[in-house]
Amino acid sequence: MPQSEDTIAVNVVVEMTTASLKAIVENAKRLSDRNAKGHYTVDTADKVSEMISRFLIEKDFESFVTNQGNYRD
């Protein structure tokens, strides 16, 4: 996923449903090729990162975090 100059990579722990993770892994494998040994050529951890990053950008995470009302428990 192309990043603008105004983004950084942050390593965090993200809680998601097991169904979400399973869907990302299954779809990534379905859409990738296999090498000569039959192993998938996609890094599923990278795909999880890509999907979350894309979601945050498309759903305007920046507006969400600038709203102080979203910091309540």
Protein backbone atom coordinates (compact mmCIF):
# COMPACT_ATOMS: atom_id res chain seq x y z
CA MET A 1 0.00 0.00 0.00
CA PRO A 2 1.56 3.31 -1.00
CA GLN A 3 2.10 5.66 1.91
CA SER A 4 2.16 9.42 1.77
CA GLU A 5 5.10 11.31 3.24
CA ASP A 6 2.90 12.14 6.23
CA THR A 7 2.59 8.60 7.61
CA ILE A 8 4.72 6.39 9.84
CA ALA A 9 4.70 2.69 10.63
CA VAL A 10 3.74 1.90 14.24
CA ASN A 11 4.02 -1.59 15.69
CA VAL A 12 1.07 -2.23 18.02
CA VAL A 13 -1.05 -5.05 19.38
CA VAL A 14 -4.49 -5.00 17.76
CA GLU A 15 -7.49 -6.91 19.02
CA MET A 16 -9.69 -8.39 16.29
CA THR A 17 -12.03 -11.29 15.93
CA THR A 18 -10.63 -14.65 14.94
CA ALA A 19 -13.05 -14.61 11.99
CA SER A 20 -11.45 -11.39 10.70
CA LEU A 21 -7.95 -12.84 10.92
CA LYS A 22 -9.07 -16.08 9.30
CA ALA A 23 -10.69 -14.16 6.42
CA ILE A 24 -7.54 -12.12 5.76
CA VAL A 25 -5.31 -15.20 5.76
CA GLU A 26 -7.66 -17.28 3.58
CA ASN A 27 -8.18 -14.49 1.04
CA ALA A 28 -4.46 -13.62 0.93
CA LYS A 29 -3.57 -17.26 0.27
CA ARG A 30 -6.34 -17.63 -2.32
CA LEU A 31 -5.04 -14.60 -4.22
CA SER A 32 -1.34 -15.50 -4.03
CA ASP A 33 0.84 -17.85 -5.99
CA ARG A 34 2.81 -20.81 -4.66
CA ASN A 35 6.53 -21.35 -5.05
CA ALA A 36 8.19 -24.52 -6.35
CA LYS A 37 7.86 -26.18 -2.93
CA GLY A 38 4.14 -25.40 -2.76
CA HIS A 39 4.47 -22.66 -0.15
CA TYR A 40 2.40 -19.51 -0.48
CA THR A 41 4.33 -16.46 -1.64
CA VAL A 42 2.38 -13.99 0.51
CA ASP A 43 3.36 -12.81 3.98
CA THR A 44 0.04 -12.98 5.79
CA ALA A 45 1.28 -10.78 8.67
CA ASP A 46 2.11 -8.07 6.14
CA LYS A 47 -1.35 -8.51 4.62
CA VAL A 48 -2.99 -8.02 8.05
CA SER A 49 -0.99 -4.82 8.50
CA GLU A 50 -1.94 -3.63 5.01
CA MET A 51 -5.65 -4.31 5.56
CA ILE A 52 -5.75 -2.50 8.91
CA SER A 53 -3.79 0.48 7.55
CA ARG A 54 -6.05 0.75 4.52
CA PHE A 55 -9.14 0.60 6.73
CA LEU A 56 -7.82 3.35 9.03
CA ILE A 57 -7.06 5.66 6.12
CA GLU A 58 -10.32 5.01 4.25
CA LYS A 59 -12.45 5.41 7.39
CA ASP A 60 -10.69 8.68 8.40
CA PHE A 61 -9.05 7.53 11.62
CA GLU A 62 -7.39 10.94 11.92
CA SER A 63 -10.76 12.66 12.42
CA PHE A 64 -11.74 10.02 14.97
CA VAL A 65 -8.61 10.55 17.09
CA THR A 66 -8.79 14.34 16.98
CA ASN A 67 -12.30 14.23 18.52
CA GLN A 68 -11.75 14.37 22.30
CA GLY A 69 -15.15 12.76 22.88
CA ASN A 70 -13.70 9.48 21.60
CA TYR A 71 -11.31 9.27 24.56
CA ARG A 72 -13.96 8.32 27.12
CA ASP A 73 -14.01 4.87 28.68
